[in-house]
Amino acid sequence: MFRRREPVPFAFVAEADRFRSNVTPPPRQRASRSQRLGQSLIMLTVMGGLAGSLVFGIPALQQDSSGPSRVHQSEAHR
């Protein structure tokens, strides 16, 4: 079969992994004090919501171990 001696037109795609740029990206801006305060308040709100759902949800999920000792109000008046 005939082999080409000329370079492949899209050979730069294969070299893309080895390419290193000499341009440095700009430094990241630091979050201001108000932004950090806002992020922490959002985090506290989310954590408080999760804690509150546990506080109110766990007693609702517990099984009643007292059994059939409860008497409905309609049966108590007979």
C-alpha atoms as a PDB file:
ATOM      1  CA  MET A   1       0.000   0.000   0.000  1.00  0.00           C
ATOM      2  CA  PHE A   2       1.151   3.523  -0.725  1.00  0.00           C
ATOM      3  CA  ARG A   3       2.431   5.519   2.320  1.00  0.00           C
ATOM      4  CA  ARG A   4       2.301   9.289   2.419  1.00  0.00           C
ATOM      5  CA  ARG A   5       5.498  11.136   3.113  1.00  0.00           C
ATOM      6  CA  GLU A   6       3.767  14.440   3.842  1.00  0.00           C
ATOM      7  CA  PRO A   7       2.510  15.236   7.336  1.00  0.00           C
ATOM      8  CA  VAL A   8      -1.091  14.582   8.217  1.00  0.00           C
ATOM      9  CA  PRO A   9      -3.138  17.795   8.000  1.00  0.00           C
ATOM     10  CA  PHE A  10      -4.516  17.362  11.518  1.00  0.00           C
ATOM     11  CA  ALA A  11      -1.334  16.318  13.263  1.00  0.00           C
ATOM     12  CA  PHE A  12      -1.687  19.218  15.711  1.00  0.00           C
ATOM     13  CA  VAL A  13      -4.526  17.336  17.406  1.00  0.00           C
ATOM     14  CA  ALA A  14      -2.117  14.589  18.441  1.00  0.00           C
ATOM     15  CA  GLU A  15       0.317  17.163  19.810  1.00  0.00           C
ATOM     16  CA  ALA A  16      -2.330  18.972  21.870  1.00  0.00           C
ATOM     17  CA  ASP A  17      -1.465  16.994  25.013  1.00  0.00           C
ATOM     18  CA  ARG A  18       2.160  18.121  24.901  1.00  0.00           C
ATOM     19  CA  PHE A  19       1.436  21.792  24.279  1.00  0.00           C
ATOM     20  CA  ARG A  20       2.412  24.180  27.056  1.00  0.00           C
ATOM     21  CA  SER A  21       1.383  27.788  26.925  1.00  0.00           C
ATOM     22  CA  ASN A  22       3.724  30.580  27.928  1.00  0.00           C
ATOM     23  CA  VAL A  23       0.780  32.774  28.965  1.00  0.00           C
ATOM     24  CA  THR A  24      -0.032  32.645  32.655  1.00  0.00           C
ATOM     25  CA  PRO A  25      -3.678  32.994  33.656  1.00  0.00           C
ATOM     26  CA  PRO A  26      -4.645  35.995  35.776  1.00  0.00           C
ATOM     27  CA  PRO A  27      -4.635  35.425  39.536  1.00  0.00           C
ATOM     28  CA  ARG A  28      -7.926  34.463  41.131  1.00  0.00           C
ATOM     29  CA  GLN A  29      -9.734  37.195  42.967  1.00  0.00           C
ATOM     30  CA  ARG A  30     -10.136  36.576  46.656  1.00  0.00           C
ATOM     31  CA  ALA A  31     -13.632  36.596  48.059  1.00  0.00           C
ATOM     32  CA  SER A  32     -14.497  39.759  49.925  1.00  0.00           C
ATOM     33  CA  ARG A  33     -15.575  39.737  53.541  1.00  0.00           C
ATOM     34  CA  SER A  34     -19.251  40.177  52.630  1.00  0.00           C
ATOM     35  CA  GLN A  35     -19.083  37.292  50.155  1.00  0.00           C
ATOM     36  CA  ARG A  36     -17.527  35.013  52.755  1.00  0.00           C
ATOM     37  CA  LEU A  37     -20.155  36.078  55.293  1.00  0.00           C
ATOM     38  CA  GLY A  38     -22.943  35.367  52.795  1.00  0.00           C
ATOM     39  CA  GLN A  39     -21.543  31.945  51.965  1.00  0.00           C
ATOM     40  CA  SER A  40     -21.239  31.042  55.629  1.00  0.00           C
ATOM     41  CA  LEU A  41     -24.818  32.182  56.316  1.00  0.00           C
ATOM     42  CA  ILE A  42     -26.091  30.055  53.461  1.00  0.00           C
ATOM     43  CA  MET A  43     -24.134  27.086  54.801  1.00  0.00           C
ATOM     44  CA  LEU A  44     -25.490  27.617  58.305  1.00  0.00           C
ATOM     45  CA  THR A  45     -29.037  27.823  56.928  1.00  0.00           C
ATOM     46  CA  VAL A  46     -28.640  24.563  55.035  1.00  0.00           C
ATOM     47  CA  MET A  47     -27.081  22.796  58.017  1.00  0.00           C
ATOM     48  CA  GLY A  48     -29.791  24.138  60.324  1.00  0.00           C
ATOM     49  CA  GLY A  49     -32.467  22.870  57.958  1.00  0.00           C
ATOM     50  CA  LEU A  50     -30.926  19.414  57.917  1.00  0.00           C
ATOM     51  CA  ALA A  51     -30.608  19.370  61.701  1.00  0.00           C
ATOM     52  CA  GLY A  52     -34.206  20.558  62.095  1.00  0.00           C
ATOM     53  CA  SER A  53     -35.493  17.886  59.767  1.00  0.00           C
ATOM     54  CA  LEU A  54     -33.698  15.283  61.871  1.00  0.00           C
ATOM     55  CA  VAL A  55     -35.095  16.714  65.111  1.00  0.00           C
ATOM     56  CA  PHE A  56     -38.663  16.645  63.821  1.00  0.00           C
ATOM     57  CA  GLY A  57     -38.362  13.575  61.609  1.00  0.00           C
ATOM     58  CA  ILE A  58     -36.806  11.011  63.942  1.00  0.00           C
ATOM     59  CA  PRO A  59     -39.666  11.013  66.506  1.00  0.00           C
ATOM     60  CA  ALA A  60     -42.165  10.679  63.675  1.00  0.00           C
ATOM     61  CA  LEU A  61     -40.359   7.618  62.337  1.00  0.00           C
ATOM     62  CA  GLN A  62     -40.150   5.772  65.653  1.00  0.00           C
ATOM     63  CA  GLN A  63     -42.595   2.928  66.117  1.00  0.00           C
ATOM     64  CA  ASP A  64     -45.098   3.087  68.905  1.00  0.00           C
ATOM     65  CA  SER A  65     -44.202   0.287  71.337  1.00  0.00           C
ATOM     66  CA  SER A  66     -47.266   0.738  73.568  1.00  0.00           C
ATOM     67  CA  GLY A  67     -49.306  -1.565  71.324  1.00  0.00           C
ATOM     68  CA  PRO A  68     -53.113  -1.595  71.216  1.00  0.00           C
ATOM     69  CA  SER A  69     -53.547   0.135  74.583  1.00  0.00           C
ATOM     70  CA  ARG A  70     -54.874   3.249  72.875  1.00  0.00           C
ATOM     71  CA  VAL A  71     -58.620   3.500  72.850  1.00  0.00           C
ATOM     72  CA  HIS A  72     -60.349   5.534  70.197  1.00  0.00           C
ATOM     73  CA  GLN A  73     -62.588   8.261  71.483  1.00  0.00           C
ATOM     74  CA  SER A  74     -65.677   6.736  69.839  1.00  0.00           C
ATOM     75  CA  GLU A  75     -65.120   3.405  71.649  1.00  0.00           C
ATOM     76  CA  ALA A  76     -64.608   5.085  75.028  1.00  0.00           C
ATOM     77  CA  HIS A  77     -68.151   6.544  75.077  1.00  0.00           C
ATOM     78  CA  ARG A  78     -69.958   3.196  74.754  1.00  0.00           C
END
